[in-house]
Amino acid sequence: MPINRRIAALSMIRTVTFDAANTLIRLTSPASQTYAEVAGRFGAVLDPARLNRAFLRAWKELPRLPDQSGPRADDGRSWWRDLVATTLSIAEYRVDPFPDYFEAVYEEFTRPGIWQLKPGVTEALGTFRRAGFRLGVVSNFDRRLYLIFKTLGILDQFEHVIISSEVGADKPSPRIFGEVLLRFQIHPNEVLHVGDEEEIDGIGARSAGISAFILGKDGDWKELVLKVSLLAESGSDLG
């Protein structure tokens, strides 16, 4: 689609929401590396490469939690526990006592240095805010995300942070995108959602009538920032 038509399509946008992991933030090392390092504290020696193969398979095969009405009682922790247990099982590893190991792994992912901002995010958020957009987050995550964002210095950039464990629904469910409309008190054609996965972010947003922009494989923000800059320069009312 020509850039002018794309800008025109954005003319009604008042709010931009973002996926979190692999859109705004990314791990500084693979999750499997963290699993192995924490296991070392329990006297277990695990091969990170072997764990990584198991982790990728577990992530793909483990069913997401079903939608429910209201927040998940355990903040979605049970799913992460199953992910860690399944990863170890596939890799044919054992770490004892597992409950203590899991708790250590779970908390490790909130520590400084585990996550970092993706390149271009700081500049992009500044561009959006200067252009007058309201900003939010829609993420398949849990309450740990608040601490992660605070540590990275971006929590106060967002008017609303909408996470699956609090809504009781994961993307691509339209329920979690419907929460955006409720919290911001806006219509679907006034929202643009930015993510990294078509199957999760694109299909999910569009199922709720929300426009979506899927970042390229390398998470290049240039095209999206260009659209926003041109829209702001056009003098469109973003208030």
C-alpha atoms as a PDB file:
ATOM      1  CA  MET A   1       0.000   0.000   0.000  1.00  0.00           C
ATOM      2  CA  PRO A   2       1.450   3.455  -0.926  1.00  0.00           C
ATOM      3  CA  ILE A   3       2.701   5.416   2.073  1.00  0.00           C
ATOM      4  CA  ASN A   4       0.093   8.196   1.598  1.00  0.00           C
ATOM      5  CA  ARG A   5      -2.749   5.693   1.763  1.00  0.00           C
ATOM      6  CA  ARG A   6      -1.191   4.099   4.830  1.00  0.00           C
ATOM      7  CA  ILE A   7      -0.973   7.481   6.537  1.00  0.00           C
ATOM      8  CA  ALA A   8      -4.599   8.184   5.623  1.00  0.00           C
ATOM      9  CA  ALA A   9      -5.596   4.892   7.209  1.00  0.00           C
ATOM     10  CA  LEU A  10      -3.963   6.076  10.428  1.00  0.00           C
ATOM     11  CA  SER A  11      -5.816   9.386  10.471  1.00  0.00           C
ATOM     12  CA  MET A  12      -8.352   8.152  13.039  1.00  0.00           C
ATOM     13  CA  ILE A  13      -5.762   6.608  15.345  1.00  0.00           C
ATOM     14  CA  ARG A  14      -5.632   8.147  18.819  1.00  0.00           C
ATOM     15  CA  THR A  15      -4.076   5.270  20.781  1.00  0.00           C
ATOM     16  CA  VAL A  16      -1.153   2.947  20.066  1.00  0.00           C
ATOM     17  CA  THR A  17      -0.704  -0.291  22.008  1.00  0.00           C
ATOM     18  CA  PHE A  18       2.330  -2.532  21.981  1.00  0.00           C
ATOM     19  CA  ASP A  19       3.147  -6.143  22.593  1.00  0.00           C
ATOM     20  CA  ALA A  20       5.886  -6.477  25.227  1.00  0.00           C
ATOM     21  CA  ALA A  21       8.295  -9.412  24.764  1.00  0.00           C
ATOM     22  CA  ASN A  22      10.202  -9.269  21.465  1.00  0.00           C
ATOM     23  CA  THR A  23       8.497  -6.005  20.543  1.00  0.00           C
ATOM     24  CA  LEU A  24       9.418  -3.516  23.269  1.00  0.00           C
ATOM     25  CA  ILE A  25      11.785  -5.721  25.263  1.00  0.00           C
ATOM     26  CA  ARG A  26      13.902  -8.816  24.761  1.00  0.00           C
ATOM     27  CA  LEU A  27      15.945 -11.185  26.889  1.00  0.00           C
ATOM     28  CA  THR A  28      19.658 -10.459  27.081  1.00  0.00           C
ATOM     29  CA  SER A  29      20.323 -14.200  26.738  1.00  0.00           C
ATOM     30  CA  PRO A  30      18.112 -17.184  25.872  1.00  0.00           C
ATOM     31  CA  ALA A  31      15.710 -18.382  28.560  1.00  0.00           C
ATOM     32  CA  SER A  32      17.512 -21.719  28.510  1.00  0.00           C
ATOM     33  CA  GLN A  33      20.721 -20.000  29.635  1.00  0.00           C
ATOM     34  CA  THR A  34      18.919 -18.620  32.671  1.00  0.00           C
ATOM     35  CA  TYR A  35      17.387 -22.040  33.387  1.00  0.00           C
ATOM     36  CA  ALA A  36      20.876 -23.564  33.343  1.00  0.00           C
ATOM     37  CA  GLU A  37      22.451 -20.851  35.503  1.00  0.00           C
ATOM     38  CA  VAL A  38      19.749 -21.136  38.160  1.00  0.00           C
ATOM     39  CA  ALA A  39      20.032 -24.948  38.079  1.00  0.00           C
ATOM     40  CA  GLY A  40      23.714 -24.552  38.936  1.00  0.00           C
ATOM     41  CA  ARG A  41      22.705 -23.071  42.293  1.00  0.00           C
ATOM     42  CA  PHE A  42      20.930 -26.358  42.986  1.00  0.00           C
ATOM     43  CA  GLY A  43      23.969 -28.448  42.105  1.00  0.00           C
ATOM     44  CA  ALA A  44      22.734 -29.448  38.639  1.00  0.00           C
ATOM     45  CA  VAL A  45      24.827 -29.067  35.489  1.00  0.00           C
ATOM     46  CA  LEU A  46      22.608 -28.509  32.434  1.00  0.00           C
ATOM     47  CA  ASP A  47      23.693 -27.919  28.849  1.00  0.00           C
ATOM     48  CA  PRO A  48      22.124 -24.623  27.663  1.00  0.00           C
ATOM     49  CA  ALA A  49      22.028 -25.713  24.005  1.00  0.00           C
ATOM     50  CA  ARG A  50      20.208 -28.925  24.876  1.00  0.00           C
ATOM     51  CA  LEU A  51      17.865 -26.971  27.116  1.00  0.00           C
ATOM     52  CA  ASN A  52      17.209 -24.438  24.372  1.00  0.00           C
ATOM     53  CA  ARG A  53      16.050 -27.115  21.938  1.00  0.00           C
ATOM     54  CA  ALA A  54      13.767 -28.500  24.625  1.00  0.00           C
ATOM     55  CA  PHE A  55      12.498 -25.029  25.558  1.00  0.00           C
ATOM     56  CA  LEU A  56      11.565 -24.139  21.968  1.00  0.00           C
ATOM     57  CA  ARG A  57       9.671 -27.397  21.598  1.00  0.00           C
ATOM     58  CA  ALA A  58       7.895 -26.961  24.949  1.00  0.00           C
ATOM     59  CA  TRP A  59       6.945 -23.361  24.127  1.00  0.00           C
ATOM     60  CA  LYS A  60       5.399 -24.493  20.854  1.00  0.00           C
ATOM     61  CA  GLU A  61       3.598 -27.560  22.194  1.00  0.00           C
ATOM     62  CA  LEU A  62       2.348 -26.427  25.605  1.00  0.00           C
ATOM     63  CA  PRO A  63      -1.311 -25.283  25.354  1.00  0.00           C
ATOM     64  CA  ARG A  64      -2.060 -21.768  26.485  1.00  0.00           C
ATOM     65  CA  LEU A  65      -4.348 -21.337  29.473  1.00  0.00           C
ATOM     66  CA  PRO A  66      -8.059 -21.171  28.553  1.00  0.00           C
ATOM     67  CA  ASP A  67      -9.956 -17.912  28.708  1.00  0.00           C
ATOM     68  CA  GLN A  68     -11.721 -17.262  31.971  1.00  0.00           C
ATOM     69  CA  SER A  69     -13.823 -14.516  33.446  1.00  0.00           C
ATOM     70  CA  GLY A  70     -11.568 -12.255  35.476  1.00  0.00           C
ATOM     71  CA  PRO A  71      -7.952 -12.484  36.688  1.00  0.00           C
ATOM     72  CA  ARG A  72      -6.202 -15.831  37.012  1.00  0.00           C
ATOM     73  CA  ALA A  73      -5.938 -16.868  40.637  1.00  0.00           C
ATOM     74  CA  ASP A  74      -2.214 -17.642  40.443  1.00  0.00           C
ATOM     75  CA  ASP A  75      -1.319 -14.797  38.059  1.00  0.00           C
ATOM     76  CA  GLY A  76      -0.741 -17.416  35.363  1.00  0.00           C
ATOM     77  CA  ARG A  77       2.144 -18.935  37.321  1.00  0.00           C
ATOM     78  CA  SER A  78       0.903 -22.497  36.700  1.00  0.00           C
ATOM     79  CA  TRP A  79       1.547 -22.144  32.963  1.00  0.00           C
ATOM     80  CA  TRP A  80       5.144 -21.050  33.533  1.00  0.00           C
ATOM     81  CA  ARG A  81       5.623 -23.918  35.989  1.00  0.00           C
ATOM     82  CA  ASP A  82       4.405 -26.362  33.331  1.00  0.00           C
ATOM     83  CA  LEU A  83       6.741 -24.762  30.789  1.00  0.00           C
ATOM     84  CA  VAL A  84       9.795 -25.226  33.001  1.00  0.00           C
ATOM     85  CA  ALA A  85       8.772 -28.791  33.930  1.00  0.00           C
ATOM     86  CA  THR A  86       8.098 -29.722  30.300  1.00  0.00           C
ATOM     87  CA  THR A  87      11.401 -28.218  29.173  1.00  0.00           C
ATOM     88  CA  LEU A  88      13.317 -30.296  31.728  1.00  0.00           C
ATOM     89  CA  SER A  89      11.344 -33.421  30.807  1.00  0.00           C
ATOM     90  CA  ILE A  90      12.029 -33.058  27.082  1.00  0.00           C
ATOM     91  CA  ALA A  91      15.720 -32.441  27.779  1.00  0.00           C
ATOM     92  CA  GLU A  92      15.737 -35.437  30.172  1.00  0.00           C
ATOM     93  CA  TYR A  93      17.035 -33.345  33.059  1.00  0.00           C
ATOM     94  CA  ARG A  94      16.028 -33.227  36.705  1.00  0.00           C
ATOM     95  CA  VAL A  95      16.561 -30.452  39.243  1.00  0.00           C
ATOM     96  CA  ASP A  96      15.606 -31.033  42.886  1.00  0.00           C
ATOM     97  CA  PRO A  97      13.722 -29.837  44.731  1.00  0.00           C
ATOM     98  CA  PHE A  98      11.726 -28.761  41.672  1.00  0.00           C
ATOM     99  CA  PRO A  99       9.289 -26.399  43.494  1.00  0.00           C
ATOM    100  CA  ASP A 100      12.200 -24.388  44.861  1.00  0.00           C
ATOM    101  CA  TYR A 101      14.002 -24.453  41.519  1.00  0.00           C
ATOM    102  CA  PHE A 102      10.903 -23.199  39.698  1.00  0.00           C
ATOM    103  CA  GLU A 103      10.396 -20.359  42.162  1.00  0.00           C
ATOM    104  CA  ALA A 104      14.009 -19.308  41.699  1.00  0.00           C
ATOM    105  CA  VAL A 105      13.670 -19.390  37.904  1.00  0.00           C
ATOM    106  CA  TYR A 106      10.380 -17.483  38.030  1.00  0.00           C
ATOM    107  CA  GLU A 107      11.849 -14.682  40.128  1.00  0.00           C
ATOM    108  CA  GLU A 108      15.082 -14.598  38.126  1.00  0.00           C
ATOM    109  CA  PHE A 109      13.202 -13.184  35.143  1.00  0.00           C
ATOM    110  CA  THR A 110      12.445  -9.990  37.100  1.00  0.00           C
ATOM    111  CA  ARG A 111      16.067  -9.225  37.983  1.00  0.00           C
ATOM    112  CA  PRO A 112      17.981  -6.314  36.397  1.00  0.00           C
ATOM    113  CA  GLY A 113      20.045  -7.376  33.422  1.00  0.00           C
ATOM    114  CA  ILE A 114      17.736 -10.179  32.314  1.00  0.00           C
ATOM    115  CA  TRP A 115      15.717  -7.944  29.950  1.00  0.00           C
ATOM    116  CA  GLN A 116      16.709  -5.042  27.745  1.00  0.00           C
ATOM    117  CA  LEU A 117      14.886  -2.571  25.529  1.00  0.00           C
ATOM    118  CA  LYS A 118      14.943  -3.427  21.854  1.00  0.00           C
ATOM    119  CA  PRO A 119      16.840  -1.021  19.611  1.00  0.00           C
ATOM    120  CA  GLY A 120      14.754   1.952  18.528  1.00  0.00           C
ATOM    121  CA  VAL A 121      12.112   1.602  21.250  1.00  0.00           C
ATOM    122  CA  THR A 122      13.088   4.680  23.275  1.00  0.00           C
ATOM    123  CA  GLU A 123      13.088   6.884  20.177  1.00  0.00           C
ATOM    124  CA  ALA A 124       9.818   5.410  18.901  1.00  0.00           C
ATOM    125  CA  LEU A 125       7.975   5.933  22.175  1.00  0.00           C
ATOM    126  CA  GLY A 126       9.210   9.529  22.274  1.00  0.00           C
ATOM    127  CA  THR A 127       7.932  10.097  18.735  1.00  0.00           C
ATOM    128  CA  PHE A 128       4.511   8.690  19.564  1.00  0.00           C
ATOM    129  CA  ARG A 129       4.177  10.771  22.727  1.00  0.00           C
ATOM    130  CA  ARG A 130       5.257  13.992  21.010  1.00  0.00           C
ATOM    131  CA  ALA A 131       2.683  13.298  18.280  1.00  0.00           C
ATOM    132  CA  GLY A 132      -0.026  13.191  20.939  1.00  0.00           C
ATOM    133  CA  PHE A 133      -0.850   9.487  20.988  1.00  0.00           C
ATOM    134  CA  ARG A 134      -2.047   7.707  24.105  1.00  0.00           C
ATOM    135  CA  LEU A 135       0.129   4.646  24.689  1.00  0.00           C
ATOM    136  CA  GLY A 136      -0.610   1.239  26.156  1.00  0.00           C
ATOM    137  CA  VAL A 137       0.640  -2.350  26.314  1.00  0.00           C
ATOM    138  CA  VAL A 138      -1.204  -5.598  25.530  1.00  0.00           C
ATOM    139  CA  SER A 139       0.873  -8.599  26.540  1.00  0.00           C
ATOM    140  CA  ASN A 140       0.618 -12.322  27.227  1.00  0.00           C
ATOM    141  CA  PHE A 141       2.449 -11.904  30.500  1.00  0.00           C
ATOM    142  CA  ASP A 142       1.839 -11.598  34.239  1.00  0.00           C
ATOM    143  CA  ARG A 143       2.366  -8.989  36.949  1.00  0.00           C
ATOM    144  CA  ARG A 144       6.128  -9.380  36.754  1.00  0.00           C
ATOM    145  CA  LEU A 145       5.914  -7.130  33.699  1.00  0.00           C
ATOM    146  CA  TYR A 146       5.313  -4.045  35.865  1.00  0.00           C
ATOM    147  CA  LEU A 147       8.617  -4.550  37.670  1.00  0.00           C
ATOM    148  CA  ILE A 148      10.441  -5.329  34.431  1.00  0.00           C
ATOM    149  CA  PHE A 149       9.151  -2.113  32.824  1.00  0.00           C
ATOM    150  CA  LYS A 150       9.961  -0.100  35.952  1.00  0.00           C
ATOM    151  CA  THR A 151      13.527  -1.435  35.984  1.00  0.00           C
ATOM    152  CA  LEU A 152      13.927  -0.522  32.306  1.00  0.00           C
ATOM    153  CA  GLY A 153      12.508   2.955  32.900  1.00  0.00           C
ATOM    154  CA  ILE A 154       9.459   2.755  30.615  1.00  0.00           C
ATOM    155  CA  LEU A 155       6.553   1.961  32.939  1.00  0.00           C
ATOM    156  CA  ASP A 156       5.446   5.591  33.108  1.00  0.00           C
ATOM    157  CA  GLN A 157       5.318   5.815  29.302  1.00  0.00           C
ATOM    158  CA  PHE A 158       2.033   3.903  29.221  1.00  0.00           C
ATOM    159  CA  GLU A 159      -1.429   4.945  30.267  1.00  0.00           C
ATOM    160  CA  HIS A 160      -2.546   1.326  30.609  1.00  0.00           C
ATOM    161  CA  VAL A 161      -0.624  -1.973  30.789  1.00  0.00           C
ATOM    162  CA  ILE A 162      -3.006  -4.806  29.947  1.00  0.00           C
ATOM    163  CA  ILE A 163      -1.694  -8.271  30.747  1.00  0.00           C
ATOM    164  CA  SER A 164      -3.284 -11.633  30.102  1.00  0.00           C
ATOM    165  CA  SER A 165      -3.068 -12.892  33.676  1.00  0.00           C
ATOM    166  CA  GLU A 166      -5.172  -9.958  34.900  1.00  0.00           C
ATOM    167  CA  VAL A 167      -7.710 -10.123  32.069  1.00  0.00           C
ATOM    168  CA  GLY A 168      -7.994 -13.920  32.075  1.00  0.00           C
ATOM    169  CA  ALA A 169      -7.393 -14.192  28.316  1.00  0.00           C
ATOM    170  CA  ASP A 170      -4.316 -14.465  26.102  1.00  0.00           C
ATOM    171  CA  LYS A 171      -3.794 -12.961  22.678  1.00  0.00           C
ATOM    172  CA  PRO A 172      -5.094 -13.682  20.075  1.00  0.00           C
ATOM    173  CA  SER A 173      -8.374 -13.761  22.025  1.00  0.00           C
ATOM    174  CA  PRO A 174     -10.456 -10.688  21.139  1.00  0.00           C
ATOM    175  CA  ARG A 175     -11.299 -10.391  24.853  1.00  0.00           C
ATOM    176  CA  ILE A 176      -7.913  -8.963  25.762  1.00  0.00           C
ATOM    177  CA  PHE A 177      -8.131  -6.458  22.904  1.00  0.00           C
ATOM    178  CA  GLY A 178     -11.645  -5.586  23.999  1.00  0.00           C
ATOM    179  CA  GLU A 179     -10.109  -4.619  27.325  1.00  0.00           C
ATOM    180  CA  VAL A 180      -8.153  -1.929  25.467  1.00  0.00           C
ATOM    181  CA  LEU A 181     -11.394  -0.328  24.285  1.00  0.00           C
ATOM    182  CA  LEU A 182     -12.871  -0.459  27.786  1.00  0.00           C
ATOM    183  CA  ARG A 183      -9.891   1.040  29.577  1.00  0.00           C
ATOM    184  CA  PHE A 184      -9.157   3.753  27.041  1.00  0.00           C
ATOM    185  CA  GLN A 185     -12.870   4.381  26.351  1.00  0.00           C
ATOM    186  CA  ILE A 186     -12.325   4.462  22.593  1.00  0.00           C
ATOM    187  CA  HIS A 187     -13.586   2.814  19.408  1.00  0.00           C
ATOM    188  CA  PRO A 188     -11.692   0.078  17.508  1.00  0.00           C
ATOM    189  CA  ASN A 189     -10.850   2.360  14.574  1.00  0.00           C
ATOM    190  CA  GLU A 190      -9.017   4.682  16.969  1.00  0.00           C
ATOM    191  CA  VAL A 191      -6.420   2.064  17.955  1.00  0.00           C
ATOM    192  CA  LEU A 192      -3.265   0.727  16.330  1.00  0.00           C
ATOM    193  CA  HIS A 193      -1.637  -2.351  17.857  1.00  0.00           C
ATOM    194  CA  VAL A 194       2.056  -3.013  17.254  1.00  0.00           C
ATOM    195  CA  GLY A 195       3.519  -6.487  17.709  1.00  0.00           C
ATOM    196  CA  ASP A 196       5.946  -9.020  16.325  1.00  0.00           C
ATOM    197  CA  GLU A 197       3.698 -12.016  15.558  1.00  0.00           C
ATOM    198  CA  GLU A 198       0.985 -12.030  12.912  1.00  0.00           C
ATOM    199  CA  GLU A 199      -0.743 -15.069  14.433  1.00  0.00           C
ATOM    200  CA  ILE A 200      -0.894 -13.513  17.904  1.00  0.00           C
ATOM    201  CA  ASP A 201      -0.872  -9.751  17.462  1.00  0.00           C
ATOM    202  CA  GLY A 202      -2.180  -9.246  13.933  1.00  0.00           C
ATOM    203  CA  ILE A 203      -5.044 -11.736  13.882  1.00  0.00           C
ATOM    204  CA  GLY A 204      -5.951 -10.992  17.480  1.00  0.00           C
ATOM    205  CA  ALA A 205      -6.159  -7.230  17.018  1.00  0.00           C
ATOM    206  CA  ARG A 206      -8.076  -7.423  13.760  1.00  0.00           C
ATOM    207  CA  SER A 207     -10.583  -9.848  15.282  1.00  0.00           C
ATOM    208  CA  ALA A 208     -11.528  -6.982  17.606  1.00  0.00           C
ATOM    209  CA  GLY A 209     -11.655  -4.473  14.739  1.00  0.00           C
ATOM    210  CA  ILE A 210      -8.296  -2.929  15.650  1.00  0.00           C
ATOM    211  CA  SER A 211      -5.615  -2.121  13.076  1.00  0.00           C
ATOM    212  CA  ALA A 212      -2.294  -3.910  13.488  1.00  0.00           C
ATOM    213  CA  PHE A 213       1.285  -3.268  12.463  1.00  0.00           C
ATOM    214  CA  ILE A 214       3.646  -6.247  12.565  1.00  0.00           C
ATOM    215  CA  LEU A 215       7.300  -5.384  12.939  1.00  0.00           C
ATOM    216  CA  GLY A 216       9.772  -7.081  10.658  1.00  0.00           C
ATOM    217  CA  LYS A 217      11.956  -9.952  11.761  1.00  0.00           C
ATOM    218  CA  ASP A 218      14.614  -7.581  13.073  1.00  0.00           C
ATOM    219  CA  GLY A 219      12.059  -5.359  14.788  1.00  0.00           C
ATOM    220  CA  ASP A 220      12.811  -2.349  12.561  1.00  0.00           C
ATOM    221  CA  TRP A 221      10.752   0.596  13.834  1.00  0.00           C
ATOM    222  CA  LYS A 222      11.697   2.960  11.015  1.00  0.00           C
ATOM    223  CA  GLU A 223       8.628   2.458   8.823  1.00  0.00           C
ATOM    224  CA  LEU A 224       6.213   2.818  11.732  1.00  0.00           C
ATOM    225  CA  VAL A 225       7.981   5.893  13.097  1.00  0.00           C
ATOM    226  CA  LEU A 226       7.912   7.414   9.609  1.00  0.00           C
ATOM    227  CA  LYS A 227       4.159   6.915   9.427  1.00  0.00           C
ATOM    228  CA  VAL A 228       3.634   8.546  12.791  1.00  0.00           C
ATOM    229  CA  SER A 229       5.917  11.458  11.929  1.00  0.00           C
ATOM    230  CA  LEU A 230       4.124  12.094   8.635  1.00  0.00           C
ATOM    231  CA  LEU A 231       0.768  11.882  10.353  1.00  0.00           C
ATOM    232  CA  ALA A 232       1.848  14.405  12.979  1.00  0.00           C
ATOM    233  CA  GLU A 233       3.257  16.738  10.304  1.00  0.00           C
ATOM    234  CA  SER A 234      -0.014  16.539   8.357  1.00  0.00           C
ATOM    235  CA  GLY A 235      -1.699  18.492  11.150  1.00  0.00           C
ATOM    236  CA  SER A 236      -4.303  15.834  11.899  1.00  0.00           C
ATOM    237  CA  ASP A 237      -6.030  16.296  15.221  1.00  0.00           C
ATOM    238  CA  LEU A 238      -4.670  13.688  17.616  1.00  0.00           C
ATOM    239  CA  GLY A 239      -6.377  15.082  20.706  1.00  0.00           C
END
